[in-house]
Amino acid sequence: MSQIIAWFKSKNISSHVVAVTIVALATLIVTDSQVQAFVLQLFATYPKIGTAIVAIAGIIFKYSHSTPQPPSPQGALK
């Protein structure tokens, strides 16, 4: 939970709005059967939409992980 709080403190209002919107849409899809049917129909009618969403999610997942930083020279002297 502290990581979520730290993330919210480090981001601006635009990031907060995007995060809340994504969570709200995901909650709506999970809880409402009509929305689930609409999403399934949408993906069946336009399969490229699903492919694009998966591709974007893959790119975000790949590049969102932080890389470990090499140890600093000051740390090696201690």
PDB file of N, CA and C in Angstrom:
ATOM      1  N   MET A   1       0.812  -1.180   0.000  1.00  0.00           N
ATOM      2  CA  MET A   1       0.000   0.000   0.000  1.00  0.00           C
ATOM      3  C   MET A   1       0.867   1.259   0.000  1.00  0.00           C
ATOM      4  N   SER A   2       1.994   1.191   0.672  1.00  0.00           N
ATOM      5  CA  SER A   2       2.882   2.362   0.728  1.00  0.00           C
ATOM      6  C   SER A   2       3.458   2.686  -0.649  1.00  0.00           C
ATOM      7  N   GLN A   3       3.631   1.675  -1.496  1.00  0.00           N
ATOM      8  CA  GLN A   3       4.127   1.920  -2.849  1.00  0.00           C
ATOM      9  C   GLN A   3       3.093   2.687  -3.668  1.00  0.00           C
ATOM     10  N   ILE A   4       1.816   2.366  -3.484  1.00  0.00           N
ATOM     11  CA  ILE A   4       0.753   3.072  -4.198  1.00  0.00           C
ATOM     12  C   ILE A   4       0.700   4.522  -3.740  1.00  0.00           C
ATOM     13  N   ILE A   5       0.781   4.738  -2.439  1.00  0.00           N
ATOM     14  CA  ILE A   5       0.766   6.102  -1.903  1.00  0.00           C
ATOM     15  C   ILE A   5       1.968   6.890  -2.415  1.00  0.00           C
ATOM     16  N   ALA A   6       3.135   6.270  -2.439  1.00  0.00           N
ATOM     17  CA  ALA A   6       4.331   6.936  -2.943  1.00  0.00           C
ATOM     18  C   ALA A   6       4.189   7.273  -4.427  1.00  0.00           C
ATOM     19  N   TRP A   7       3.569   6.364  -5.192  1.00  0.00           N
ATOM     20  CA  TRP A   7       3.370   6.634  -6.616  1.00  0.00           C
ATOM     21  C   TRP A   7       2.448   7.834  -6.795  1.00  0.00           C
ATOM     22  N   PHE A   8       1.335   7.870  -6.037  1.00  0.00           N
ATOM     23  CA  PHE A   8       0.409   8.993  -6.156  1.00  0.00           C
ATOM     24  C   PHE A   8       1.063  10.312  -5.755  1.00  0.00           C
ATOM     25  N   LYS A   9       1.926  10.292  -4.755  1.00  0.00           N
ATOM     26  CA  LYS A   9       2.601  11.520  -4.343  1.00  0.00           C
ATOM     27  C   LYS A   9       3.603  12.000  -5.391  1.00  0.00           C
ATOM     28  N   SER A  10       4.181  11.058  -6.153  1.00  0.00           N
ATOM     29  CA  SER A  10       5.205  11.428  -7.125  1.00  0.00           C
ATOM     30  C   SER A  10       4.634  11.851  -8.475  1.00  0.00           C
ATOM     31  N   LYS A  11       3.330  11.660  -8.699  1.00  0.00           N
ATOM     32  CA  LYS A  11       2.720  11.971  -9.995  1.00  0.00           C
ATOM     33  C   LYS A  11       1.825  13.198  -9.893  1.00  0.00           C
ATOM     34  N   ASN A  12       1.470  13.730 -11.065  1.00  0.00           N
ATOM     35  CA  ASN A  12       0.607  14.914 -11.107  1.00  0.00           C
ATOM     36  C   ASN A  12      -0.857  14.505 -11.254  1.00  0.00           C
ATOM     37  N   ILE A  13      -1.747  15.477 -11.334  1.00  0.00           N
ATOM     38  CA  ILE A  13      -3.180  15.220 -11.364  1.00  0.00           C
ATOM     39  C   ILE A  13      -3.600  14.458 -12.621  1.00  0.00           C
ATOM     40  N   SER A  14      -2.933  14.684 -13.735  1.00  0.00           N
ATOM     41  CA  SER A  14      -3.272  13.970 -14.968  1.00  0.00           C
ATOM     42  C   SER A  14      -3.063  12.465 -14.810  1.00  0.00           C
ATOM     43  N   SER A  15      -1.972  12.096 -14.171  1.00  0.00           N
ATOM     44  CA  SER A  15      -1.705  10.678 -13.918  1.00  0.00           C
ATOM     45  C   SER A  15      -2.745  10.084 -12.987  1.00  0.00           C
ATOM     46  N   HIS A  16      -3.174  10.858 -12.010  1.00  0.00           N
ATOM     47  CA  HIS A  16      -4.205  10.383 -11.082  1.00  0.00           C
ATOM     48  C   HIS A  16      -5.512  10.123 -11.826  1.00  0.00           C
ATOM     49  N   VAL A  17      -5.890  11.036 -12.707  1.00  0.00           N
ATOM     50  CA  VAL A  17      -7.134  10.889 -13.465  1.00  0.00           C
ATOM     51  C   VAL A  17      -7.072   9.655 -14.358  1.00  0.00           C
ATOM     52  N   VAL A  18      -5.953   9.462 -15.032  1.00  0.00           N
ATOM     53  CA  VAL A  18      -5.804   8.299 -15.903  1.00  0.00           C
ATOM     54  C   VAL A  18      -5.875   7.006 -15.088  1.00  0.00           C
ATOM     55  N   ALA A  19      -5.185   6.956 -13.963  1.00  0.00           N
ATOM     56  CA  ALA A  19      -5.198   5.755 -13.125  1.00  0.00           C
ATOM     57  C   ALA A  19      -6.594   5.448 -12.601  1.00  0.00           C
ATOM     58  N   VAL A  20      -7.296   6.458 -12.123  1.00  0.00           N
ATOM     59  CA  VAL A  20      -8.651   6.256 -11.600  1.00  0.00           C
ATOM     60  C   VAL A  20      -9.597   5.817 -12.716  1.00  0.00           C
ATOM     61  N   THR A  21      -9.449   6.387 -13.906  1.00  0.00           N
ATOM     62  CA  THR A  21     -10.289   6.001 -15.036  1.00  0.00           C
ATOM     63  C   THR A  21     -10.065   4.549 -15.429  1.00  0.00           C
ATOM     64  N   ILE A  22      -8.826   4.127 -15.470  1.00  0.00           N
ATOM     65  CA  ILE A  22      -8.509   2.746 -15.816  1.00  0.00           C
ATOM     66  C   ILE A  22      -9.088   1.787 -14.780  1.00  0.00           C
ATOM     67  N   VAL A  23      -8.930   2.109 -13.512  1.00  0.00           N
ATOM     68  CA  VAL A  23      -9.470   1.249 -12.447  1.00  0.00           C
ATOM     69  C   VAL A  23     -10.999   1.213 -12.509  1.00  0.00           C
ATOM     70  N   ALA A  24     -11.626   2.355 -12.772  1.00  0.00           N
ATOM     71  CA  ALA A  24     -13.092   2.395 -12.862  1.00  0.00           C
ATOM     72  C   ALA A  24     -13.595   1.574 -14.042  1.00  0.00           C
ATOM     73  N   LEU A  25     -12.939   1.692 -15.201  1.00  0.00           N
ATOM     74  CA  LEU A  25     -13.342   0.895 -16.352  1.00  0.00           C
ATOM     75  C   LEU A  25     -13.138  -0.590 -16.115  1.00  0.00           C
ATOM     76  N   ALA A  26     -12.025  -0.952 -15.511  1.00  0.00           N
ATOM     77  CA  ALA A  26     -11.776  -2.365 -15.213  1.00  0.00           C
ATOM     78  C   ALA A  26     -12.819  -2.908 -14.243  1.00  0.00           C
ATOM     79  N   THR A  27     -13.171  -2.115 -13.240  1.00  0.00           N
ATOM     80  CA  THR A  27     -14.197  -2.535 -12.281  1.00  0.00           C
ATOM     81  C   THR A  27     -15.545  -2.695 -12.969  1.00  0.00           C
ATOM     82  N   LEU A  28     -15.882  -1.773 -13.856  1.00  0.00           N
ATOM     83  CA  LEU A  28     -17.143  -1.849 -14.586  1.00  0.00           C
ATOM     84  C   LEU A  28     -17.195  -3.098 -15.464  1.00  0.00           C
ATOM     85  N   ILE A  29     -16.107  -3.402 -16.147  1.00  0.00           N
ATOM     86  CA  ILE A  29     -16.065  -4.586 -17.004  1.00  0.00           C
ATOM     87  C   ILE A  29     -16.217  -5.855 -16.183  1.00  0.00           C
ATOM     88  N   VAL A  30     -15.590  -5.911 -15.027  1.00  0.00           N
ATOM     89  CA  VAL A  30     -15.638  -7.117 -14.197  1.00  0.00           C
ATOM     90  C   VAL A  30     -17.015  -7.314 -13.559  1.00  0.00           C
ATOM     91  N   THR A  31     -17.694  -6.233 -13.205  1.00  0.00           N
ATOM     92  CA  THR A  31     -18.922  -6.362 -12.424  1.00  0.00           C
ATOM     93  C   THR A  31     -20.209  -6.331 -13.234  1.00  0.00           C
ATOM     94  N   ASP A  32     -20.201  -5.825 -14.455  1.00  0.00           N
ATOM     95  CA  ASP A  32     -21.439  -5.672 -15.225  1.00  0.00           C
ATOM     96  C   ASP A  32     -21.456  -6.624 -16.412  1.00  0.00           C
ATOM     97  N   SER A  33     -22.437  -7.512 -16.463  1.00  0.00           N
ATOM     98  CA  SER A  33     -22.496  -8.509 -17.534  1.00  0.00           C
ATOM     99  C   SER A  33     -22.815  -7.872 -18.890  1.00  0.00           C
ATOM    100  N   GLN A  34     -23.564  -6.784 -18.912  1.00  0.00           N
ATOM    101  CA  GLN A  34     -23.850  -6.110 -20.183  1.00  0.00           C
ATOM    102  C   GLN A  34     -22.579  -5.501 -20.777  1.00  0.00           C
ATOM    103  N   VAL A  35     -21.754  -4.948 -19.924  1.00  0.00           N
ATOM    104  CA  VAL A  35     -20.488  -4.379 -20.401  1.00  0.00           C
ATOM    105  C   VAL A  35     -19.572  -5.498 -20.883  1.00  0.00           C
ATOM    106  N   GLN A  36     -19.560  -6.622 -20.186  1.00  0.00           N
ATOM    107  CA  GLN A  36     -18.757  -7.765 -20.620  1.00  0.00           C
ATOM    108  C   GLN A  36     -19.205  -8.241 -21.997  1.00  0.00           C
ATOM    109  N   ALA A  37     -20.516  -8.334 -22.209  1.00  0.00           N
ATOM    110  CA  ALA A  37     -21.041  -8.756 -23.505  1.00  0.00           C
ATOM    111  C   ALA A  37     -20.658  -7.755 -24.597  1.00  0.00           C
ATOM    112  N   PHE A  38     -20.733  -6.469 -24.271  1.00  0.00           N
ATOM    113  CA  PHE A  38     -20.353  -5.438 -25.242  1.00  0.00           C
ATOM    114  C   PHE A  38     -18.885  -5.557 -25.623  1.00  0.00           C
ATOM    115  N   VAL A  39     -18.034  -5.744 -24.638  1.00  0.00           N
ATOM    116  CA  VAL A  39     -16.595  -5.846 -24.904  1.00  0.00           C
ATOM    117  C   VAL A  39     -16.304  -7.081 -25.749  1.00  0.00           C
ATOM    118  N   LEU A  40     -16.929  -8.210 -25.414  1.00  0.00           N
ATOM    119  CA  LEU A  40     -16.719  -9.429 -26.204  1.00  0.00           C
ATOM    120  C   LEU A  40     -17.217  -9.256 -27.639  1.00  0.00           C
ATOM    121  N   GLN A  41     -18.364  -8.613 -27.803  1.00  0.00           N
ATOM    122  CA  GLN A  41     -18.901  -8.352 -29.143  1.00  0.00           C
ATOM    123  C   GLN A  41     -17.977  -7.404 -29.910  1.00  0.00           C
ATOM    124  N   LEU A  42     -17.461  -6.396 -29.226  1.00  0.00           N
ATOM    125  CA  LEU A  42     -16.554  -5.448 -29.854  1.00  0.00           C
ATOM    126  C   LEU A  42     -15.293  -6.137 -30.353  1.00  0.00           C
ATOM    127  N   PHE A  43     -14.719  -7.008 -29.511  1.00  0.00           N
ATOM    128  CA  PHE A  43     -13.509  -7.722 -29.908  1.00  0.00           C
ATOM    129  C   PHE A  43     -13.787  -8.740 -31.003  1.00  0.00           C
ATOM    130  N   ALA A  44     -14.973  -9.352 -31.005  1.00  0.00           N
ATOM    131  CA  ALA A  44     -15.322 -10.295 -32.062  1.00  0.00           C
ATOM    132  C   ALA A  44     -15.523  -9.577 -33.396  1.00  0.00           C
ATOM    133  N   THR A  45     -16.103  -8.385 -33.340  1.00  0.00           N
ATOM    134  CA  THR A  45     -16.358  -7.625 -34.556  1.00  0.00           C
ATOM    135  C   THR A  45     -15.081  -6.977 -35.090  1.00  0.00           C
ATOM    136  N   TYR A  46     -14.278  -6.447 -34.191  1.00  0.00           N
ATOM    137  CA  TYR A  46     -13.045  -5.752 -34.570  1.00  0.00           C
ATOM    138  C   TYR A  46     -11.857  -6.375 -33.831  1.00  0.00           C
ATOM    139  N   PRO A  47     -11.323  -7.482 -34.335  1.00  0.00           N
ATOM    140  CA  PRO A  47     -10.226  -8.148 -33.617  1.00  0.00           C
ATOM    141  C   PRO A  47      -8.945  -7.314 -33.511  1.00  0.00           C
ATOM    142  N   LYS A  48      -8.787  -6.344 -34.409  1.00  0.00           N
ATOM    143  CA  LYS A  48      -7.579  -5.509 -34.346  1.00  0.00           C
ATOM    144  C   LYS A  48      -7.556  -4.656 -33.082  1.00  0.00           C
ATOM    145  N   ILE A  49      -8.722  -4.330 -32.532  1.00  0.00           N
ATOM    146  CA  ILE A  49      -8.776  -3.555 -31.292  1.00  0.00           C
ATOM    147  C   ILE A  49      -8.141  -4.353 -30.158  1.00  0.00           C
ATOM    148  N   GLY A  50      -8.526  -5.624 -30.048  1.00  0.00           N
ATOM    149  CA  GLY A  50      -7.941  -6.482 -29.013  1.00  0.00           C
ATOM    150  C   GLY A  50      -6.446  -6.645 -29.190  1.00  0.00           C
ATOM    151  N   THR A  51      -6.027  -6.813 -30.441  1.00  0.00           N
ATOM    152  CA  THR A  51      -4.597  -6.947 -30.723  1.00  0.00           C
ATOM    153  C   THR A  51      -3.845  -5.675 -30.330  1.00  0.00           C
ATOM    154  N   ALA A  52      -4.414  -4.527 -30.636  1.00  0.00           N
ATOM    155  CA  ALA A  52      -3.769  -3.256 -30.292  1.00  0.00           C
ATOM    156  C   ALA A  52      -3.675  -3.080 -28.779  1.00  0.00           C
ATOM    157  N   ILE A  53      -4.741  -3.438 -28.056  1.00  0.00           N
ATOM    158  CA  ILE A  53      -4.727  -3.311 -26.601  1.00  0.00           C
ATOM    159  C   ILE A  53      -3.657  -4.209 -25.992  1.00  0.00           C
ATOM    160  N   VAL A  54      -3.573  -5.444 -26.473  1.00  0.00           N
ATOM    161  CA  VAL A  54      -2.556  -6.365 -25.956  1.00  0.00           C
ATOM    162  C   VAL A  54      -1.153  -5.866 -26.293  1.00  0.00           C
ATOM    163  N   ALA A  55      -0.972  -5.334 -27.491  1.00  0.00           N
ATOM    164  CA  ALA A  55       0.345  -4.818 -27.875  1.00  0.00           C
ATOM    165  C   ALA A  55       0.745  -3.628 -27.006  1.00  0.00           C
ATOM    166  N   ILE A  56      -0.183  -2.707 -26.796  1.00  0.00           N
ATOM    167  CA  ILE A  56       0.111  -1.544 -25.950  1.00  0.00           C
ATOM    168  C   ILE A  56       0.418  -1.974 -24.522  1.00  0.00           C
ATOM    169  N   ALA A  57      -0.380  -2.922 -24.005  1.00  0.00           N
ATOM    170  CA  ALA A  57      -0.130  -3.415 -22.650  1.00  0.00           C
ATOM    171  C   ALA A  57       1.242  -4.081 -22.558  1.00  0.00           C
ATOM    172  N   GLY A  58       1.616  -4.833 -23.588  1.00  0.00           N
ATOM    173  CA  GLY A  58       2.938  -5.469 -23.599  1.00  0.00           C
ATOM    174  C   GLY A  58       4.070  -4.467 -23.605  1.00  0.00           C
ATOM    175  N   ILE A  59       3.910  -3.408 -24.393  1.00  0.00           N
ATOM    176  CA  ILE A  59       4.936  -2.359 -24.448  1.00  0.00           C
ATOM    177  C   ILE A  59       5.048  -1.651 -23.101  1.00  0.00           C
ATOM    178  N   ILE A  60       3.903  -1.323 -22.515  1.00  0.00           N
ATOM    179  CA  ILE A  60       3.920  -0.665 -21.207  1.00  0.00           C
ATOM    180  C   ILE A  60       4.561  -1.570 -20.168  1.00  0.00           C
ATOM    181  N   PHE A  61       4.202  -2.854 -20.185  1.00  0.00           N
ATOM    182  CA  PHE A  61       4.769  -3.799 -19.218  1.00  0.00           C
ATOM    183  C   PHE A  61       6.279  -3.919 -19.397  1.00  0.00           C
ATOM    184  N   LYS A  62       6.735  -3.992 -20.643  1.00  0.00           N
ATOM    185  CA  LYS A  62       8.165  -4.149 -20.903  1.00  0.00           C
ATOM    186  C   LYS A  62       8.976  -2.950 -20.430  1.00  0.00           C
ATOM    187  N   TYR A  63       8.479  -1.750 -20.684  1.00  0.00           N
ATOM    188  CA  TYR A  63       9.259  -0.561 -20.393  1.00  0.00           C
ATOM    189  C   TYR A  63       8.918   0.113 -19.067  1.00  0.00           C
ATOM    190  N   SER A  64       7.982  -0.429 -18.309  1.00  0.00           N
ATOM    191  CA  SER A  64       7.624   0.216 -17.050  1.00  0.00           C
ATOM    192  C   SER A  64       8.489  -0.257 -15.884  1.00  0.00           C
ATOM    193  N   HIS A  65       9.192  -1.350 -16.042  1.00  0.00           N
ATOM    194  CA  HIS A  65      10.045  -1.838 -14.957  1.00  0.00           C
ATOM    195  C   HIS A  65      11.320  -1.014 -14.905  1.00  0.00           C
ATOM    196  N   SER A  66      11.678  -0.611 -13.711  1.00  0.00           N
ATOM    197  CA  SER A  66      12.902   0.160 -13.576  1.00  0.00           C
ATOM    198  C   SER A  66      14.096  -0.786 -13.590  1.00  0.00           C
ATOM    199  N   THR A  67      15.171  -0.327 -14.164  1.00  0.00           N
ATOM    200  CA  THR A  67      16.382  -1.136 -14.210  1.00  0.00           C
ATOM    201  C   THR A  67      17.196  -0.864 -12.961  1.00  0.00           C
ATOM    202  N   PRO A  68      17.843  -1.884 -12.437  1.00  0.00           N
ATOM    203  CA  PRO A  68      18.649  -1.660 -11.233  1.00  0.00           C
ATOM    204  C   PRO A  68      19.825  -0.740 -11.534  1.00  0.00           C
ATOM    205  N   GLN A  69      20.100   0.145 -10.600  1.00  0.00           N
ATOM    206  CA  GLN A  69      21.195   1.094 -10.760  1.00  0.00           C
ATOM    207  C   GLN A  69      22.492   0.446 -10.271  1.00  0.00           C
ATOM    208  N   PRO A  70      23.583   0.715 -10.968  1.00  0.00           N
ATOM    209  CA  PRO A  70      24.863   0.169 -10.492  1.00  0.00           C
ATOM    210  C   PRO A  70      25.246   0.825  -9.174  1.00  0.00           C
ATOM    211  N   PRO A  71      25.981   0.115  -8.352  1.00  0.00           N
ATOM    212  CA  PRO A  71      26.394   0.702  -7.074  1.00  0.00           C
ATOM    213  C   PRO A  71      27.285   1.924  -7.314  1.00  0.00           C
ATOM    214  N   SER A  72      27.137   2.889  -6.438  1.00  0.00           N
ATOM    215  CA  SER A  72      27.924   4.102  -6.577  1.00  0.00           C
ATOM    216  C   SER A  72      29.346   3.869  -6.075  1.00  0.00           C
ATOM    217  N   PRO A  73      30.314   4.609  -6.610  1.00  0.00           N
ATOM    218  CA  PRO A  73      31.690   4.458  -6.135  1.00  0.00           C
ATOM    219  C   PRO A  73      31.835   4.820  -4.655  1.00  0.00           C
ATOM    220  N   GLN A  74      31.016   5.748  -4.154  1.00  0.00           N
ATOM    221  CA  GLN A  74      31.105   6.123  -2.755  1.00  0.00           C
ATOM    222  C   GLN A  74      30.709   4.936  -1.862  1.00  0.00           C
ATOM    223  N   GLY A  75      29.761   4.138  -2.321  1.00  0.00           N
ATOM    224  CA  GLY A  75      29.348   2.981  -1.531  1.00  0.00           C
ATOM    225  C   GLY A  75      30.426   1.917  -1.459  1.00  0.00           C
ATOM    226  N   ALA A  76      31.256   1.834  -2.502  1.00  0.00           N
ATOM    227  CA  ALA A  76      32.318   0.835  -2.534  1.00  0.00           C
ATOM    228  C   ALA A  76      33.461   1.196  -1.588  1.00  0.00           C
ATOM    229  N   LEU A  77      33.613   2.489  -1.265  1.00  0.00           N
ATOM    230  CA  LEU A  77      34.700   2.911  -0.415  1.00  0.00           C
ATOM    231  C   LEU A  77      34.406   2.690   1.070  1.00  0.00           C
ATOM    232  N   LYS A  78      33.157   2.526   1.410  1.00  0.00           N
ATOM    233  CA  LYS A  78      32.816   2.402   2.826  1.00  0.00           C
ATOM    234  C   LYS A  78      33.115   1.037   3.352  1.00  0.00           C
TER     235      LYS A  78
END
